[in-house]
Amino acid sequence: PKVIREEFSDELKKEKKRYKRLLGKYSWLKGYHAEFLILNQLLFHAKKNNELLKSVTRYLPDDFNFCDYSRVWKYYSSPEYAKVISVDIFACSLDADDYSILGEVKNRDVKKFSIDELKDFELKFAEIKKCENLERRAVIGFIFSRCGFTKEAEKYCQEKGIACSEDESWLETGK
């Protein structure tokens, strides 16, 4: 029985490790898919779904409207910078008077978007604005968190004017 218990215990440890690895891959793919859907929404559908998307997104500026974007992509900083900076969404407006969007996407089932994650995003937001010379353009921060936001993060978004949403309308395609 002792040998069987040890073998079973070892096998269980291996399977738990394998399970966690698979779960990590699944979570990564799920997040990547949500990013793709939101990028697609901004590139092809946001302007015509302006009222719907504005209604499911909190803390947008009063004069905000979704517009035509010249580029919509996941942003990575240039290798020339010492620190690698990335955000899930960078939608650069075609017209300099319209709002560009820098955003993060979290497609998690359990963990809400926290104040610490929000402060990290705010630092990245400021750095990207500086690196990409966006100080003279209207740029807003946007967070999509399918699981929602902690109370502190929600309050911080409201205070700082960071747009946020957990509404799955953002993940719908072809409308």
Protein backbone atom coordinates (compact mmCIF):
# COMPACT_ATOMS: atom_id res chain seq x y z
CA PRO A 1 0.00 0.00 0.00
CA LYS A 2 2.83 2.43 0.77
CA VAL A 3 4.36 2.01 -2.71
CA ILE A 4 0.96 2.37 -4.37
CA ARG A 5 0.24 5.54 -2.34
CA GLU A 6 3.60 7.06 -3.36
CA GLU A 7 3.08 6.15 -7.03
CA PHE A 8 -0.43 7.58 -6.94
CA SER A 9 0.82 10.74 -5.23
CA ASP A 10 3.59 11.20 -7.82
CA GLU A 11 1.16 10.62 -10.68
CA LEU A 12 -1.32 13.08 -9.17
CA LYS A 13 1.39 15.75 -8.90
CA LYS A 14 2.32 15.24 -12.57
CA GLU A 15 -1.32 15.48 -13.66
CA LYS A 16 -1.91 18.64 -11.59
CA LYS A 17 1.15 20.23 -13.20
CA ARG A 18 -0.12 19.22 -16.65
CA TYR A 19 -3.60 20.54 -15.83
CA LYS A 20 -2.21 23.93 -14.74
CA ARG A 21 -0.13 24.17 -17.90
CA LEU A 22 -3.19 23.40 -20.07
CA LEU A 23 -5.30 25.83 -18.09
CA GLY A 24 -2.67 28.53 -18.65
CA LYS A 25 -2.68 27.89 -22.40
CA TYR A 26 -6.49 27.97 -22.45
CA SER A 27 -6.60 31.23 -20.49
CA TRP A 28 -4.01 32.80 -22.79
CA LEU A 29 -5.98 31.78 -25.89
CA LYS A 30 -9.23 32.99 -24.37
CA GLY A 31 -7.68 36.38 -23.62
CA TYR A 32 -6.11 36.60 -27.05
CA HIS A 33 -9.48 35.82 -28.66
CA ALA A 34 -11.20 38.60 -26.66
CA GLU A 35 -8.48 41.04 -27.74
CA PHE A 36 -9.04 40.05 -31.37
CA LEU A 37 -12.81 40.51 -31.08
CA ILE A 38 -12.47 43.97 -29.55
CA LEU A 39 -9.85 45.04 -32.11
CA ASN A 40 -12.21 43.79 -34.83
CA GLN A 41 -15.10 45.68 -33.25
CA LEU A 42 -13.09 48.93 -33.21
CA LEU A 43 -11.76 48.51 -36.73
CA PHE A 44 -14.95 47.49 -38.52
CA HIS A 45 -18.07 48.02 -36.39
CA ALA A 46 -17.58 50.60 -33.62
CA LYS A 47 -18.55 53.65 -35.66
CA LYS A 48 -21.88 52.17 -36.75
CA ASN A 49 -22.46 50.69 -33.25
CA ASN A 50 -21.51 54.00 -31.62
CA GLU A 51 -24.60 54.39 -29.42
CA LEU A 52 -24.62 50.77 -28.23
CA LEU A 53 -20.92 50.72 -27.35
CA LYS A 54 -21.12 54.11 -25.65
CA SER A 55 -24.09 52.88 -23.58
CA VAL A 56 -22.17 49.83 -22.31
CA THR A 57 -18.95 51.74 -21.58
CA ARG A 58 -18.67 53.91 -18.49
CA TYR A 59 -16.69 57.14 -18.00
CA LEU A 60 -16.31 58.14 -21.63
CA PRO A 61 -15.90 61.89 -22.20
CA ASP A 62 -19.15 63.69 -23.06
CA ASP A 63 -17.94 64.55 -26.56
CA PHE A 64 -16.67 61.02 -27.29
CA ASN A 65 -17.77 59.14 -30.39
CA PHE A 66 -16.30 56.05 -31.99
CA CYS A 67 -14.78 57.02 -35.29
CA ASP A 68 -12.72 55.70 -38.19
CA TYR A 69 -9.32 54.53 -37.05
CA SER A 70 -6.23 54.58 -39.23
CA ARG A 71 -4.68 51.67 -37.33
CA VAL A 72 -6.01 49.25 -34.74
CA TRP A 73 -3.52 46.82 -33.27
CA LYS A 74 -1.89 45.38 -30.18
CA TYR A 75 0.91 47.74 -29.22
CA TYR A 76 4.48 46.81 -28.34
CA SER A 77 7.09 49.48 -27.75
CA SER A 78 10.07 49.74 -30.03
CA PRO A 79 13.12 47.65 -29.08
CA GLU A 80 15.12 50.88 -28.83
CA TYR A 81 13.48 51.60 -25.46
CA ALA A 82 15.08 50.00 -22.43
CA LYS A 83 11.73 48.82 -21.10
CA VAL A 84 9.23 46.81 -23.15
CA ILE A 85 5.76 48.30 -22.91
CA SER A 86 2.66 46.71 -24.37
CA VAL A 87 -1.08 47.27 -24.34
CA ASP A 88 -3.77 45.08 -25.84
CA ILE A 89 -5.45 47.85 -27.84
CA PHE A 90 -4.12 50.86 -29.68
CA ALA A 91 -6.71 52.41 -31.97
CA CYS A 92 -5.28 55.52 -33.61
CA SER A 93 -8.00 57.84 -34.91
CA LEU A 94 -7.86 58.89 -38.53
CA ASP A 95 -8.70 62.49 -37.65
CA ALA A 96 -6.55 64.17 -34.99
CA ASP A 97 -9.67 65.76 -33.46
CA ASP A 98 -11.23 62.36 -32.71
CA TYR A 99 -10.28 60.22 -29.73
CA SER A 100 -7.65 57.52 -30.05
CA ILE A 101 -7.91 54.58 -27.65
CA LEU A 102 -5.30 52.77 -25.57
CA GLY A 103 -6.70 49.78 -23.73
CA GLU A 104 -6.32 46.54 -21.83
CA VAL A 105 -8.45 43.41 -22.16
CA LYS A 106 -8.97 40.84 -19.42
CA ASN A 107 -11.17 37.88 -20.30
CA ARG A 108 -11.03 36.17 -16.91
CA ASP A 109 -13.76 34.13 -15.26
CA VAL A 110 -12.98 34.86 -11.63
CA LYS A 111 -10.50 37.66 -10.87
CA LYS A 112 -11.80 41.21 -11.12
CA PHE A 113 -9.63 43.99 -12.51
CA SER A 114 -7.77 45.43 -9.52
CA ILE A 115 -6.52 48.86 -8.53
CA ASP A 116 -2.91 47.65 -8.87
CA GLU A 117 -3.53 46.52 -12.46
CA LEU A 118 -5.18 49.86 -13.13
CA LYS A 119 -2.19 51.80 -11.82
CA ASP A 120 0.14 49.67 -13.97
CA PHE A 121 -2.04 50.45 -16.97
CA GLU A 122 -1.97 54.15 -16.15
CA LEU A 123 1.86 54.12 -16.14
CA LYS A 124 1.92 52.32 -19.50
CA PHE A 125 -0.68 54.75 -20.87
CA ALA A 126 1.47 57.78 -19.95
CA GLU A 127 4.63 56.16 -21.32
CA ILE A 128 3.02 55.24 -24.66
CA LYS A 129 1.56 58.71 -25.05
CA LYS A 130 5.06 60.10 -24.62
CA CYS A 131 6.80 57.51 -26.86
CA GLU A 132 4.27 57.85 -29.66
CA ASN A 133 4.07 61.65 -29.37
CA LEU A 134 0.34 61.63 -28.59
CA GLU A 135 0.35 64.52 -26.12
CA ARG A 136 -1.41 66.81 -28.59
CA ARG A 137 -4.07 64.25 -29.54
CA ALA A 138 -7.18 63.28 -27.64
CA VAL A 139 -6.47 59.82 -26.21
CA ILE A 140 -8.52 57.87 -23.70
CA GLY A 141 -7.72 54.80 -21.68
CA PHE A 142 -10.09 51.86 -21.92
CA ILE A 143 -10.31 48.67 -19.86
CA PHE A 144 -12.44 45.67 -20.75
CA SER A 145 -12.70 43.16 -17.91
CA ARG A 146 -15.29 40.44 -18.47
CA CYS A 147 -15.33 39.63 -14.75
CA GLY A 148 -15.75 43.28 -13.74
CA PHE A 149 -13.78 45.59 -11.49
CA THR A 150 -13.05 45.80 -7.79
CA LYS A 151 -14.80 48.67 -5.99
CA GLU A 152 -11.50 50.54 -5.65
CA ALA A 153 -10.69 50.10 -9.34
CA GLU A 154 -14.17 51.24 -10.38
CA LYS A 155 -13.85 54.37 -8.25
CA TYR A 156 -10.35 55.03 -9.63
CA CYS A 157 -11.60 54.71 -13.23
CA GLN A 158 -14.33 57.22 -12.50
CA GLU A 159 -11.93 59.68 -10.85
CA LYS A 160 -9.32 59.42 -13.61
CA GLY A 161 -11.74 59.24 -16.56
CA ILE A 162 -10.61 55.80 -17.68
CA ALA A 163 -13.37 54.19 -19.73
CA CYS A 164 -14.33 50.70 -18.59
CA SER A 165 -16.76 47.95 -19.47
CA GLU A 166 -17.51 44.33 -18.72
CA ASP A 167 -20.39 44.11 -21.18
CA GLU A 168 -20.05 41.26 -23.65
CA SER A 169 -21.47 43.40 -26.45
CA TRP A 170 -17.83 44.26 -27.02
CA LEU A 171 -17.18 40.63 -27.93
CA GLU A 172 -19.94 40.32 -30.51
CA THR A 173 -18.91 40.18 -34.14
CA GLY A 174 -20.42 41.25 -37.41
CA LYS A 175 -23.07 43.62 -36.10
